[in-house]
C-alpha atoms as a PDB file:
ATOM      1  CA  MET A   1     -15.145   9.897   1.988  1.00  0.00           C
ATOM      2  CA  HIS A   2     -14.651   6.613   0.061  1.00  0.00           C
ATOM      3  CA  PHE A   3     -16.557   3.298   0.404  1.00  0.00           C
ATOM      4  CA  LEU A   4     -13.519   0.150   0.578  1.00  0.00           C
ATOM      5  CA  PRO A   5     -14.768  -3.238   0.791  1.00  0.00           C
ATOM      6  CA  PRO A   6     -13.907  -4.985   4.065  1.00  0.00           C
ATOM      7  CA  TYR A   7     -10.474  -6.594   3.048  1.00  0.00           C
ATOM      8  CA  SER A   8      -8.851  -4.396   0.512  1.00  0.00           C
ATOM      9  CA  PRO A   9      -5.272  -3.792   1.997  1.00  0.00           C
ATOM     10  CA  ASN A  10      -4.702  -2.555  -1.638  1.00  0.00           C
ATOM     11  CA  LEU A  11      -6.725  -0.057  -1.504  1.00  0.00           C
ATOM     12  CA  ASN A  12      -6.238   1.342   2.349  1.00  0.00           C
ATOM     13  CA  PRO A  13      -3.330   4.188   2.323  1.00  0.00           C
ATOM     14  CA  ILE A  14      -1.948   3.063   5.411  1.00  0.00           C
ATOM     15  CA  GLU A  15      -1.233  -0.332   4.111  1.00  0.00           C
ATOM     16  CA  ARG A  16       0.326   1.784   0.900  1.00  0.00           C
ATOM     17  CA  LEU A  17       2.460   3.631   3.466  1.00  0.00           C
ATOM     18  CA  TRP A  18       3.740   0.402   5.338  1.00  0.00           C
ATOM     19  CA  LYS A  19       4.648  -1.310   1.950  1.00  0.00           C
ATOM     20  CA  PHE A  20       6.585   1.576   0.681  1.00  0.00           C
ATOM     21  CA  THR A  21       8.378   2.084   4.116  1.00  0.00           C
ATOM     22  CA  LYS A  22       9.406  -1.721   4.197  1.00  0.00           C
ATOM     23  CA  LYS A  23      10.570  -1.346   0.557  1.00  0.00           C
ATOM     24  CA  GLU A  24      13.015   1.819   1.636  1.00  0.00           C
ATOM     25  CA  VAL A  25      13.932   0.452   5.080  1.00  0.00           C
ATOM     26  CA  ILE A  26      14.586  -3.349   4.627  1.00  0.00           C
ATOM     27  CA  LYS A  27      15.665  -3.269   0.987  1.00  0.00           C
ATOM     28  CA  SER A  28      15.650  -6.713   1.456  1.00  0.00           C
ATOM     29  CA  ASN A  29      18.437  -6.783   3.715  1.00  0.00           C
ATOM     30  CA  TYR A  30      17.821  -8.203   7.320  1.00  0.00           C
ATOM     31  CA  THR A  31      18.654  -6.631  10.402  1.00  0.00           C
ATOM     32  CA  PRO A  32      19.685  -8.533  13.486  1.00  0.00           C
ATOM     33  CA  ASP A  33      19.968  -5.808  15.764  1.00  0.00           C
ATOM     34  CA  ALA A  34      15.890  -4.629  16.683  1.00  0.00           C
ATOM     35  CA  ASN A  35      17.547  -1.131  17.492  1.00  0.00           C
ATOM     36  CA  ILE A  36      19.313  -0.569  14.582  1.00  0.00           C
ATOM     37  CA  PHE A  37      16.093  -1.568  12.734  1.00  0.00           C
ATOM     38  CA  LYS A  38      14.062   1.071  14.964  1.00  0.00           C
ATOM     39  CA  GLU A  39      16.353   3.804  14.386  1.00  0.00           C
ATOM     40  CA  ARG A  40      15.983   3.361  10.492  1.00  0.00           C
ATOM     41  CA  ILE A  41      12.080   3.331  10.738  1.00  0.00           C
ATOM     42  CA  ARG A  42      12.452   6.360  12.576  1.00  0.00           C
ATOM     43  CA  ASN A  43      15.229   7.908  10.438  1.00  0.00           C
ATOM     44  CA  PHE A  44      12.709   7.185   7.463  1.00  0.00           C
ATOM     45  CA  PHE A  45       9.764   9.088   9.479  1.00  0.00           C
ATOM     46  CA  ALA A  46      12.036  12.025  10.007  1.00  0.00           C
ATOM     47  CA  ASN A  47      12.794  12.493   6.798  1.00  0.00           C
ATOM     48  CA  ILE A  48       9.332  11.395   4.892  1.00  0.00           C
ATOM     49  CA  GLY A  49       9.587  14.811   2.860  1.00  0.00           C
ATOM     50  CA  ASN A  50      12.149  13.323   0.584  1.00  0.00           C
ATOM     51  CA  TYR A  51       9.562  10.702  -0.540  1.00  0.00           C
ATOM     52  CA  LYS A  52       6.738  13.164  -1.162  1.00  0.00           C
ATOM     53  CA  ASP A  53       6.479  12.393  -4.958  1.00  0.00           C
ATOM     54  CA  LYS A  54       6.806   8.877  -4.494  1.00  0.00           C
ATOM     55  CA  LEU A  55       4.395   8.817  -1.581  1.00  0.00           C
ATOM     56  CA  GLU A  56       1.707  11.096  -3.269  1.00  0.00           C
ATOM     57  CA  SER A  57       1.435   9.162  -6.433  1.00  0.00           C
ATOM     58  CA  LEU A  58       1.366   6.140  -4.590  1.00  0.00           C
ATOM     59  CA  ILE A  59      -1.215   7.271  -1.466  1.00  0.00           C
ATOM     60  CA  ASN A  60      -4.303   8.736  -3.434  1.00  0.00           C
ATOM     61  CA  THR A  61      -7.677   8.218  -4.094  1.00  0.00           C
ATOM     62  CA  ASN A  62      -7.241   7.238  -7.770  1.00  0.00           C
ATOM     63  CA  PHE A  63      -8.639   3.985  -7.557  1.00  0.00           C
ATOM     64  CA  GLN A  64      -9.685   2.229 -10.742  1.00  0.00           C
ATOM     65  CA  LYS A  65     -12.810   1.398 -11.251  1.00  0.00           C
ATOM     66  CA  LEU A  66     -14.397  -1.486 -12.682  1.00  0.00           C
ATOM     67  CA  ASN A  67     -17.925  -1.990 -14.227  1.00  0.00           C
ATOM     68  CA  PRO A  68     -19.991  -4.415 -12.447  1.00  0.00           C
ATOM     69  CA  ALA A  69     -20.656  -7.550 -14.395  1.00  0.00           C
ATOM     70  CA  PRO A  70     -23.572  -7.932 -16.300  1.00  0.00           C
ATOM     71  CA  THR A  71     -26.684  -9.712 -14.976  1.00  0.00           C
ATOM     72  CA  GLY A  72     -28.781 -12.511 -16.285  1.00  0.00           C
ATOM     73  CA  LEU A  73     -26.171 -14.410 -18.275  1.00  0.00           C
ATOM     74  CA  GLN A  74     -26.876 -17.877 -18.342  1.00  0.00           C
ATOM     75  CA  THR A  75     -24.224 -20.391 -18.301  1.00  0.00           C
ATOM     76  CA  SER A  76     -24.187 -24.231 -18.814  1.00  0.00           C
ATOM     77  CA  LEU A  77     -21.980 -26.366 -18.015  1.00  0.00           C
ATOM     78  CA  VAL A  78     -21.052 -29.499 -20.946  1.00  0.00           C
END
């Protein structure tokens, strides 16, 4: 289990999946018919295995780790 900050959608796997889904399904095209949109979403998930490599590289726990800032630094405003 990994600790995630309270609001970190870029680290949340389901948010990454949703972003990828939107990119693949919507593709910057407006779909005026809700039924067609739903069908496109269903088709995406029915064929999600086709995206295995992309999803494995996108949805993982290889987070970039940052070192904490040094403490005790004094800054002065001029």
